[in-house]
Amino acid sequence: MVNNENKLKEMRNYVIIGGSSGIGKEIVAILEKQGANIVATYNNNVLQDKQNIRYIKLDVLSDILNPDDLPEEIHGLAYCPGSINLKPFHRFKEEDFIEDFKLQVLGATKIIQQLLPKMKKSHDSSIVLFSTVAVQTGFSFHSQVAISKGAIEGLTRSLAAELSPGIRVNAVAPSLTNTNLASKFLNTQEKVDAQSQKNPLKKIGEPKDIAEAAVFLLTPGSSWITGQIIHVDGGFSTIKQ
């Protein structure tokens, strides 16, 4: 009985928003192997609960998390929802930018505000957000995504300052990764080969590549890292060939 009680005390609680597909799903899988207690949300991809994983339906634009669905103390939060809308700047309408901003920035802000009291209880928690290499490296047709993700990078640094020392805040900035979100850019072997050749490592990133970095930032192994934008992009943002 004592061993079980100690195990419960040691078990860390994580909330993964958008944990049913892509990078979020991989984060859940890695944390599950580490024996964590996980609450993961989904919008469309319904998954069945497991021993240490509870899935909750959540539309980040309209729903509010029920506190009763969450543990009293939260050690880590990852906000994974995003979008990739690429087209010439002159073709975007005001509502396009606003909808993207709502999903990627206001959605993250709302979730963090809701979970903050439970994260403060742990005195040792971590928030991981997601940016893109397009913020620091200019690309044509990336104005919409760069605006929202640029705001995420600003939010990351600001919250890291405001919430320290009890809560660390970092972001991961990938280049194009093989997820459903990016499928229209990688839906033929020719497109995959072309994108691979642009990367110094000559391959496309996989969800697990990004998830491993996110889990590192979520867990105690990164206890002296905060306010950072970690580029996980195969060298794309720093190595010119």
C-alpha atoms as a PDB file:
ATOM      1  CA  MET A   1       0.000   0.000   0.000  1.00  0.00           C
ATOM      2  CA  VAL A   2       2.833   2.398   0.877  1.00  0.00           C
ATOM      3  CA  ASN A   3       4.560   1.655  -2.434  1.00  0.00           C
ATOM      4  CA  ASN A   4       1.347   2.374  -4.349  1.00  0.00           C
ATOM      5  CA  GLU A   5       0.870   5.670  -2.506  1.00  0.00           C
ATOM      6  CA  ASN A   6       4.456   6.702  -3.266  1.00  0.00           C
ATOM      7  CA  LYS A   7       3.975   5.791  -6.905  1.00  0.00           C
ATOM      8  CA  LEU A   8       0.878   7.976  -7.118  1.00  0.00           C
ATOM      9  CA  LYS A   9       2.753  10.866  -5.543  1.00  0.00           C
ATOM     10  CA  GLU A  10       5.626  10.478  -8.023  1.00  0.00           C
ATOM     11  CA  MET A  11       3.384  10.169 -11.097  1.00  0.00           C
ATOM     12  CA  ARG A  12       3.450  13.353 -13.133  1.00  0.00           C
ATOM     13  CA  ASN A  13       0.322  14.749 -14.752  1.00  0.00           C
ATOM     14  CA  TYR A  14       0.335  16.137 -18.287  1.00  0.00           C
ATOM     15  CA  VAL A  15      -2.315  17.792 -20.443  1.00  0.00           C
ATOM     16  CA  ILE A  16      -1.844  17.538 -24.209  1.00  0.00           C
ATOM     17  CA  ILE A  17      -4.185  19.751 -26.211  1.00  0.00           C
ATOM     18  CA  GLY A  18      -4.615  18.165 -29.621  1.00  0.00           C
ATOM     19  CA  GLY A  19      -3.291  14.809 -28.465  1.00  0.00           C
ATOM     20  CA  SER A  20      -5.135  12.542 -30.904  1.00  0.00           C
ATOM     21  CA  SER A  21      -3.119  13.086 -34.076  1.00  0.00           C
ATOM     22  CA  GLY A  22       0.245  14.137 -35.470  1.00  0.00           C
ATOM     23  CA  ILE A  23       2.829  15.499 -33.062  1.00  0.00           C
ATOM     24  CA  GLY A  24       0.373  15.599 -30.148  1.00  0.00           C
ATOM     25  CA  LYS A  25      -0.376  11.887 -30.526  1.00  0.00           C
ATOM     26  CA  GLU A  26       3.342  11.094 -30.478  1.00  0.00           C
ATOM     27  CA  ILE A  27       3.822  13.186 -27.340  1.00  0.00           C
ATOM     28  CA  VAL A  28       1.081  11.169 -25.630  1.00  0.00           C
ATOM     29  CA  ALA A  29       2.692   7.883 -26.724  1.00  0.00           C
ATOM     30  CA  ILE A  30       6.121   8.861 -25.375  1.00  0.00           C
ATOM     31  CA  LEU A  31       4.733  10.105 -22.062  1.00  0.00           C
ATOM     32  CA  GLU A  32       2.673   6.932 -21.713  1.00  0.00           C
ATOM     33  CA  LYS A  33       5.860   4.843 -21.982  1.00  0.00           C
ATOM     34  CA  GLN A  34       7.365   6.983 -19.224  1.00  0.00           C
ATOM     35  CA  GLY A  35       4.482   6.077 -16.915  1.00  0.00           C
ATOM     36  CA  ALA A  36       2.905   9.524 -16.852  1.00  0.00           C
ATOM     37  CA  ASN A  37      -0.742  10.311 -16.178  1.00  0.00           C
ATOM     38  CA  ILE A  38      -2.140  12.035 -19.279  1.00  0.00           C
ATOM     39  CA  VAL A  39      -5.237  13.985 -20.247  1.00  0.00           C
ATOM     40  CA  ALA A  40      -5.365  14.437 -24.031  1.00  0.00           C
ATOM     41  CA  THR A  41      -7.949  16.352 -26.022  1.00  0.00           C
ATOM     42  CA  TYR A  42      -9.326  15.673 -29.471  1.00  0.00           C
ATOM     43  CA  ASN A  43     -11.645  17.473 -31.832  1.00  0.00           C
ATOM     44  CA  ASN A  44     -12.292  14.946 -34.605  1.00  0.00           C
ATOM     45  CA  ASN A  45     -10.144  11.844 -34.057  1.00  0.00           C
ATOM     46  CA  VAL A  46     -11.879   9.932 -31.259  1.00  0.00           C
ATOM     47  CA  LEU A  47      -9.634   7.599 -29.252  1.00  0.00           C
ATOM     48  CA  GLN A  48     -10.399   5.200 -26.412  1.00  0.00           C
ATOM     49  CA  ASP A  49      -9.156   5.836 -22.890  1.00  0.00           C
ATOM     50  CA  LYS A  50      -6.253   3.728 -21.630  1.00  0.00           C
ATOM     51  CA  GLN A  51      -5.013   2.961 -18.135  1.00  0.00           C
ATOM     52  CA  ASN A  52      -3.172   6.280 -17.709  1.00  0.00           C
ATOM     53  CA  ILE A  53      -4.686   8.254 -20.592  1.00  0.00           C
ATOM     54  CA  ARG A  54      -8.011  10.056 -20.606  1.00  0.00           C
ATOM     55  CA  TYR A  55      -9.321  11.575 -23.845  1.00  0.00           C
ATOM     56  CA  ILE A  56     -11.649  14.582 -23.785  1.00  0.00           C
ATOM     57  CA  LYS A  57     -13.430  16.203 -26.725  1.00  0.00           C
ATOM     58  CA  LEU A  58     -12.486  19.873 -26.969  1.00  0.00           C
ATOM     59  CA  ASP A  59     -12.934  22.590 -29.552  1.00  0.00           C
ATOM     60  CA  VAL A  60     -10.353  25.138 -28.432  1.00  0.00           C
ATOM     61  CA  LEU A  61     -12.241  27.951 -30.175  1.00  0.00           C
ATOM     62  CA  SER A  62     -15.491  27.454 -28.270  1.00  0.00           C
ATOM     63  CA  ASP A  63     -15.178  24.946 -25.407  1.00  0.00           C
ATOM     64  CA  ILE A  64     -13.872  25.317 -21.867  1.00  0.00           C
ATOM     65  CA  LEU A  65     -12.108  22.493 -20.056  1.00  0.00           C
ATOM     66  CA  ASN A  66     -14.045  21.104 -17.121  1.00  0.00           C
ATOM     67  CA  PRO A  67     -11.808  21.296 -14.010  1.00  0.00           C
ATOM     68  CA  ASP A  68     -13.314  18.007 -12.817  1.00  0.00           C
ATOM     69  CA  ASP A  69     -11.781  16.290 -15.867  1.00  0.00           C
ATOM     70  CA  LEU A  70      -8.287  17.372 -14.849  1.00  0.00           C
ATOM     71  CA  PRO A  71      -5.921  16.372 -12.054  1.00  0.00           C
ATOM     72  CA  GLU A  72      -5.547  18.797  -9.153  1.00  0.00           C
ATOM     73  CA  GLU A  73      -1.887  19.306  -9.960  1.00  0.00           C
ATOM     74  CA  ILE A  74      -0.551  19.614 -13.522  1.00  0.00           C
ATOM     75  CA  HIS A  75       3.150  19.230 -14.291  1.00  0.00           C
ATOM     76  CA  GLY A  76       3.114  19.881 -18.022  1.00  0.00           C
ATOM     77  CA  LEU A  77       0.993  21.341 -20.812  1.00  0.00           C
ATOM     78  CA  ALA A  78       1.546  21.091 -24.555  1.00  0.00           C
ATOM     79  CA  TYR A  79      -0.660  23.076 -26.940  1.00  0.00           C
ATOM     80  CA  CYS A  80      -0.528  21.376 -30.354  1.00  0.00           C
ATOM     81  CA  PRO A  81      -3.410  22.691 -32.554  1.00  0.00           C
ATOM     82  CA  GLY A  82      -2.246  24.576 -35.609  1.00  0.00           C
ATOM     83  CA  SER A  83      -2.792  25.273 -39.271  1.00  0.00           C
ATOM     84  CA  ILE A  84      -0.696  25.742 -42.418  1.00  0.00           C
ATOM     85  CA  ASN A  85      -2.375  28.122 -44.845  1.00  0.00           C
ATOM     86  CA  LEU A  86      -0.043  29.198 -47.623  1.00  0.00           C
ATOM     87  CA  LYS A  87      -0.911  31.561 -50.461  1.00  0.00           C
ATOM     88  CA  PRO A  88       0.123  35.017 -51.713  1.00  0.00           C
ATOM     89  CA  PHE A  89      -0.349  37.823 -49.203  1.00  0.00           C
ATOM     90  CA  HIS A  90      -2.709  39.793 -51.455  1.00  0.00           C
ATOM     91  CA  ARG A  91      -5.157  36.886 -51.557  1.00  0.00           C
ATOM     92  CA  PHE A  92      -5.698  36.689 -47.804  1.00  0.00           C
ATOM     93  CA  LYS A  93      -8.737  38.327 -46.274  1.00  0.00           C
ATOM     94  CA  GLU A  94      -8.886  39.859 -42.826  1.00  0.00           C
ATOM     95  CA  GLU A  95     -10.950  36.965 -41.483  1.00  0.00           C
ATOM     96  CA  ASP A  96      -8.270  34.480 -42.635  1.00  0.00           C
ATOM     97  CA  PHE A  97      -5.679  36.085 -40.371  1.00  0.00           C
ATOM     98  CA  ILE A  98      -8.163  36.405 -37.507  1.00  0.00           C
ATOM     99  CA  GLU A  99      -9.269  32.744 -37.636  1.00  0.00           C
ATOM    100  CA  ASP A 100      -5.674  31.549 -37.705  1.00  0.00           C
ATOM    101  CA  PHE A 101      -4.783  33.821 -34.789  1.00  0.00           C
ATOM    102  CA  LYS A 102      -7.765  32.557 -32.786  1.00  0.00           C
ATOM    103  CA  LEU A 103      -6.732  28.925 -33.221  1.00  0.00           C
ATOM    104  CA  GLN A 104      -3.018  29.231 -32.644  1.00  0.00           C
ATOM    105  CA  VAL A 105      -2.638  32.164 -30.249  1.00  0.00           C
ATOM    106  CA  LEU A 106      -5.914  32.916 -28.485  1.00  0.00           C
ATOM    107  CA  GLY A 107      -6.616  29.188 -28.123  1.00  0.00           C
ATOM    108  CA  ALA A 108      -3.261  28.668 -26.426  1.00  0.00           C
ATOM    109  CA  THR A 109      -3.766  31.742 -24.252  1.00  0.00           C
ATOM    110  CA  LYS A 110      -7.206  30.591 -23.109  1.00  0.00           C
ATOM    111  CA  ILE A 111      -5.987  27.095 -22.222  1.00  0.00           C
ATOM    112  CA  ILE A 112      -2.979  28.396 -20.300  1.00  0.00           C
ATOM    113  CA  GLN A 113      -5.170  30.753 -18.293  1.00  0.00           C
ATOM    114  CA  GLN A 114      -7.560  27.913 -17.443  1.00  0.00           C
ATOM    115  CA  LEU A 115      -4.792  25.551 -16.336  1.00  0.00           C
ATOM    116  CA  LEU A 116      -2.522  28.059 -14.612  1.00  0.00           C
ATOM    117  CA  PRO A 117      -3.892  27.558 -11.064  1.00  0.00           C
ATOM    118  CA  LYS A 118      -3.356  23.790 -11.298  1.00  0.00           C
ATOM    119  CA  MET A 119       0.123  24.238 -12.805  1.00  0.00           C
ATOM    120  CA  LYS A 120       1.168  26.614 -10.029  1.00  0.00           C
ATOM    121  CA  LYS A 121       0.350  23.922  -7.461  1.00  0.00           C
ATOM    122  CA  SER A 122       3.191  21.713  -8.701  1.00  0.00           C
ATOM    123  CA  HIS A 123       5.886  24.411  -8.260  1.00  0.00           C
ATOM    124  CA  ASP A 124       7.731  22.567 -11.026  1.00  0.00           C
ATOM    125  CA  SER A 125       5.760  22.587 -14.284  1.00  0.00           C
ATOM    126  CA  SER A 126       6.349  23.258 -17.943  1.00  0.00           C
ATOM    127  CA  ILE A 127       4.457  24.680 -20.914  1.00  0.00           C
ATOM    128  CA  VAL A 128       5.406  23.787 -24.487  1.00  0.00           C
ATOM    129  CA  LEU A 129       4.054  25.715 -27.469  1.00  0.00           C
ATOM    130  CA  PHE A 130       4.753  25.325 -31.184  1.00  0.00           C
ATOM    131  CA  SER A 131       6.192  27.815 -33.639  1.00  0.00           C
ATOM    132  CA  THR A 132       7.736  27.313 -37.102  1.00  0.00           C
ATOM    133  CA  VAL A 133      11.016  28.029 -38.861  1.00  0.00           C
ATOM    134  CA  ALA A 134       9.046  30.491 -41.017  1.00  0.00           C
ATOM    135  CA  VAL A 135       9.117  33.062 -38.197  1.00  0.00           C
ATOM    136  CA  GLN A 136      12.894  33.488 -38.171  1.00  0.00           C
ATOM    137  CA  THR A 137      13.458  32.583 -41.825  1.00  0.00           C
ATOM    138  CA  GLY A 138      11.392  34.482 -44.388  1.00  0.00           C
ATOM    139  CA  PHE A 139       9.484  32.371 -46.914  1.00  0.00           C
ATOM    140  CA  SER A 140       7.139  33.468 -49.667  1.00  0.00           C
ATOM    141  CA  PHE A 141       3.429  32.782 -49.046  1.00  0.00           C
ATOM    142  CA  HIS A 142       3.974  32.255 -45.290  1.00  0.00           C
ATOM    143  CA  SER A 143       2.607  35.589 -44.037  1.00  0.00           C
ATOM    144  CA  GLN A 144      -0.451  34.136 -42.326  1.00  0.00           C
ATOM    145  CA  VAL A 145       1.294  31.359 -40.430  1.00  0.00           C
ATOM    146  CA  ALA A 146       4.284  33.572 -39.580  1.00  0.00           C
ATOM    147  CA  ILE A 147       2.058  36.240 -37.993  1.00  0.00           C
ATOM    148  CA  SER A 148       0.427  33.754 -35.609  1.00  0.00           C
ATOM    149  CA  LYS A 149       3.570  31.810 -34.811  1.00  0.00           C
ATOM    150  CA  GLY A 150       5.535  35.023 -34.330  1.00  0.00           C
ATOM    151  CA  ALA A 151       3.000  35.899 -31.646  1.00  0.00           C
ATOM    152  CA  ILE A 152       3.542  32.467 -30.097  1.00  0.00           C
ATOM    153  CA  GLU A 153       7.270  33.129 -29.835  1.00  0.00           C
ATOM    154  CA  GLY A 154       6.596  36.456 -28.131  1.00  0.00           C
ATOM    155  CA  LEU A 155       4.130  34.779 -25.776  1.00  0.00           C
ATOM    156  CA  THR A 156       6.686  32.087 -24.965  1.00  0.00           C
ATOM    157  CA  ARG A 157       9.349  34.549 -23.864  1.00  0.00           C
ATOM    158  CA  SER A 158       6.931  36.827 -22.017  1.00  0.00           C
ATOM    159  CA  LEU A 159       5.335  34.004 -20.038  1.00  0.00           C
ATOM    160  CA  ALA A 160       8.735  32.477 -19.291  1.00  0.00           C
ATOM    161  CA  ALA A 161       9.654  35.739 -17.572  1.00  0.00           C
ATOM    162  CA  GLU A 162       6.327  36.210 -15.801  1.00  0.00           C
ATOM    163  CA  LEU A 163       5.821  32.628 -14.584  1.00  0.00           C
ATOM    164  CA  SER A 164       9.348  31.807 -13.461  1.00  0.00           C
ATOM    165  CA  PRO A 165      10.614  30.150 -11.381  1.00  0.00           C
ATOM    166  CA  GLY A 166       7.690  27.776 -10.846  1.00  0.00           C
ATOM    167  CA  ILE A 167       6.636  27.307 -14.471  1.00  0.00           C
ATOM    168  CA  ARG A 168       8.976  26.994 -17.438  1.00  0.00           C
ATOM    169  CA  VAL A 169       7.778  28.024 -20.914  1.00  0.00           C
ATOM    170  CA  ASN A 170       9.425  27.009 -24.195  1.00  0.00           C
ATOM    171  CA  ALA A 171       8.461  26.494 -27.827  1.00  0.00           C
ATOM    172  CA  VAL A 172       9.487  24.056 -30.538  1.00  0.00           C
ATOM    173  CA  ALA A 173       9.909  25.410 -34.075  1.00  0.00           C
ATOM    174  CA  PRO A 174       9.876  22.643 -36.699  1.00  0.00           C
ATOM    175  CA  SER A 175      10.264  22.816 -40.434  1.00  0.00           C
ATOM    176  CA  LEU A 176       7.833  20.873 -42.653  1.00  0.00           C
ATOM    177  CA  THR A 177       6.939  17.634 -40.874  1.00  0.00           C
ATOM    178  CA  ASN A 178       5.147  14.532 -42.146  1.00  0.00           C
ATOM    179  CA  THR A 179       1.770  15.053 -40.467  1.00  0.00           C
ATOM    180  CA  ASN A 180      -1.814  15.161 -41.721  1.00  0.00           C
ATOM    181  CA  LEU A 181      -1.635  18.935 -41.396  1.00  0.00           C
ATOM    182  CA  ALA A 182       1.137  19.022 -43.990  1.00  0.00           C
ATOM    183  CA  SER A 183      -0.237  16.241 -46.179  1.00  0.00           C
ATOM    184  CA  LYS A 184      -1.156  18.502 -49.105  1.00  0.00           C
ATOM    185  CA  PHE A 185       2.518  19.471 -49.389  1.00  0.00           C
ATOM    186  CA  LEU A 186       3.739  15.863 -49.170  1.00  0.00           C
ATOM    187  CA  ASN A 187       1.026  13.895 -50.987  1.00  0.00           C
ATOM    188  CA  THR A 188       3.280  12.566 -53.767  1.00  0.00           C
ATOM    189  CA  GLN A 189       6.710  10.974 -53.707  1.00  0.00           C
ATOM    190  CA  GLU A 190       7.949  13.776 -55.937  1.00  0.00           C
ATOM    191  CA  LYS A 191       6.945  16.395 -53.350  1.00  0.00           C
ATOM    192  CA  VAL A 192       8.552  14.389 -50.549  1.00  0.00           C
ATOM    193  CA  ASP A 193      11.783  14.047 -52.530  1.00  0.00           C
ATOM    194  CA  ALA A 194      11.818  17.755 -53.391  1.00  0.00           C
ATOM    195  CA  GLN A 195      11.298  18.808 -49.775  1.00  0.00           C
ATOM    196  CA  SER A 196      13.901  16.302 -48.581  1.00  0.00           C
ATOM    197  CA  GLN A 197      16.527  17.733 -50.926  1.00  0.00           C
ATOM    198  CA  LYS A 198      15.987  21.213 -49.469  1.00  0.00           C
ATOM    199  CA  ASN A 199      16.920  19.951 -45.997  1.00  0.00           C
ATOM    200  CA  PRO A 200      20.567  19.550 -44.902  1.00  0.00           C
ATOM    201  CA  LEU A 201      19.766  16.090 -43.532  1.00  0.00           C
ATOM    202  CA  LYS A 202      18.012  15.179 -46.811  1.00  0.00           C
ATOM    203  CA  LYS A 203      14.842  13.923 -45.197  1.00  0.00           C
ATOM    204  CA  ILE A 204      11.467  15.101 -43.943  1.00  0.00           C
ATOM    205  CA  GLY A 205      10.896  15.312 -40.209  1.00  0.00           C
ATOM    206  CA  GLU A 206       8.541  12.797 -38.633  1.00  0.00           C
ATOM    207  CA  PRO A 207       6.087  13.571 -35.800  1.00  0.00           C
ATOM    208  CA  LYS A 208       8.226  11.550 -33.377  1.00  0.00           C
ATOM    209  CA  ASP A 209      11.239  13.793 -34.101  1.00  0.00           C
ATOM    210  CA  ILE A 210       9.314  16.842 -32.916  1.00  0.00           C
ATOM    211  CA  ALA A 211       7.544  15.012 -30.086  1.00  0.00           C
ATOM    212  CA  GLU A 212      10.815  13.833 -28.546  1.00  0.00           C
ATOM    213  CA  ALA A 213      11.981  17.434 -28.239  1.00  0.00           C
ATOM    214  CA  ALA A 214       8.624  18.526 -26.822  1.00  0.00           C
ATOM    215  CA  VAL A 215       8.644  15.762 -24.198  1.00  0.00           C
ATOM    216  CA  PHE A 216      12.173  16.722 -23.186  1.00  0.00           C
ATOM    217  CA  LEU A 217      10.985  20.292 -22.593  1.00  0.00           C
ATOM    218  CA  LEU A 218       7.903  19.075 -20.713  1.00  0.00           C
ATOM    219  CA  THR A 219       9.763  16.809 -18.316  1.00  0.00           C
ATOM    220  CA  PRO A 220      12.309  17.432 -15.515  1.00  0.00           C
ATOM    221  CA  GLY A 221      15.324  16.661 -17.726  1.00  0.00           C
ATOM    222  CA  SER A 222      15.058  20.212 -19.075  1.00  0.00           C
ATOM    223  CA  SER A 223      14.668  21.836 -15.657  1.00  0.00           C
ATOM    224  CA  TRP A 224      17.147  24.635 -16.464  1.00  0.00           C
ATOM    225  CA  ILE A 225      15.647  25.602 -19.823  1.00  0.00           C
ATOM    226  CA  THR A 226      13.008  28.304 -20.199  1.00  0.00           C
ATOM    227  CA  GLY A 227      12.147  31.104 -22.624  1.00  0.00           C
ATOM    228  CA  GLN A 228      13.712  29.228 -25.540  1.00  0.00           C
ATOM    229  CA  ILE A 229      12.594  28.580 -29.110  1.00  0.00           C
ATOM    230  CA  ILE A 230      14.077  25.194 -29.960  1.00  0.00           C
ATOM    231  CA  HIS A 231      14.517  24.611 -33.700  1.00  0.00           C
ATOM    232  CA  VAL A 232      13.926  20.971 -34.610  1.00  0.00           C
ATOM    233  CA  ASP A 233      14.225  21.208 -38.367  1.00  0.00           C
ATOM    234  CA  GLY A 234      17.076  19.057 -39.653  1.00  0.00           C
ATOM    235  CA  GLY A 235      19.314  22.119 -39.766  1.00  0.00           C
ATOM    236  CA  PHE A 236      17.049  23.911 -42.243  1.00  0.00           C
ATOM    237  CA  SER A 237      17.013  27.239 -40.384  1.00  0.00           C
ATOM    238  CA  THR A 238      20.753  27.518 -39.766  1.00  0.00           C
ATOM    239  CA  ILE A 239      22.644  25.545 -42.407  1.00  0.00           C
ATOM    240  CA  LYS A 240      22.808  26.911 -45.949  1.00  0.00           C
ATOM    241  CA  GLN A 241      23.830  24.591 -48.737  1.00  0.00           C
END
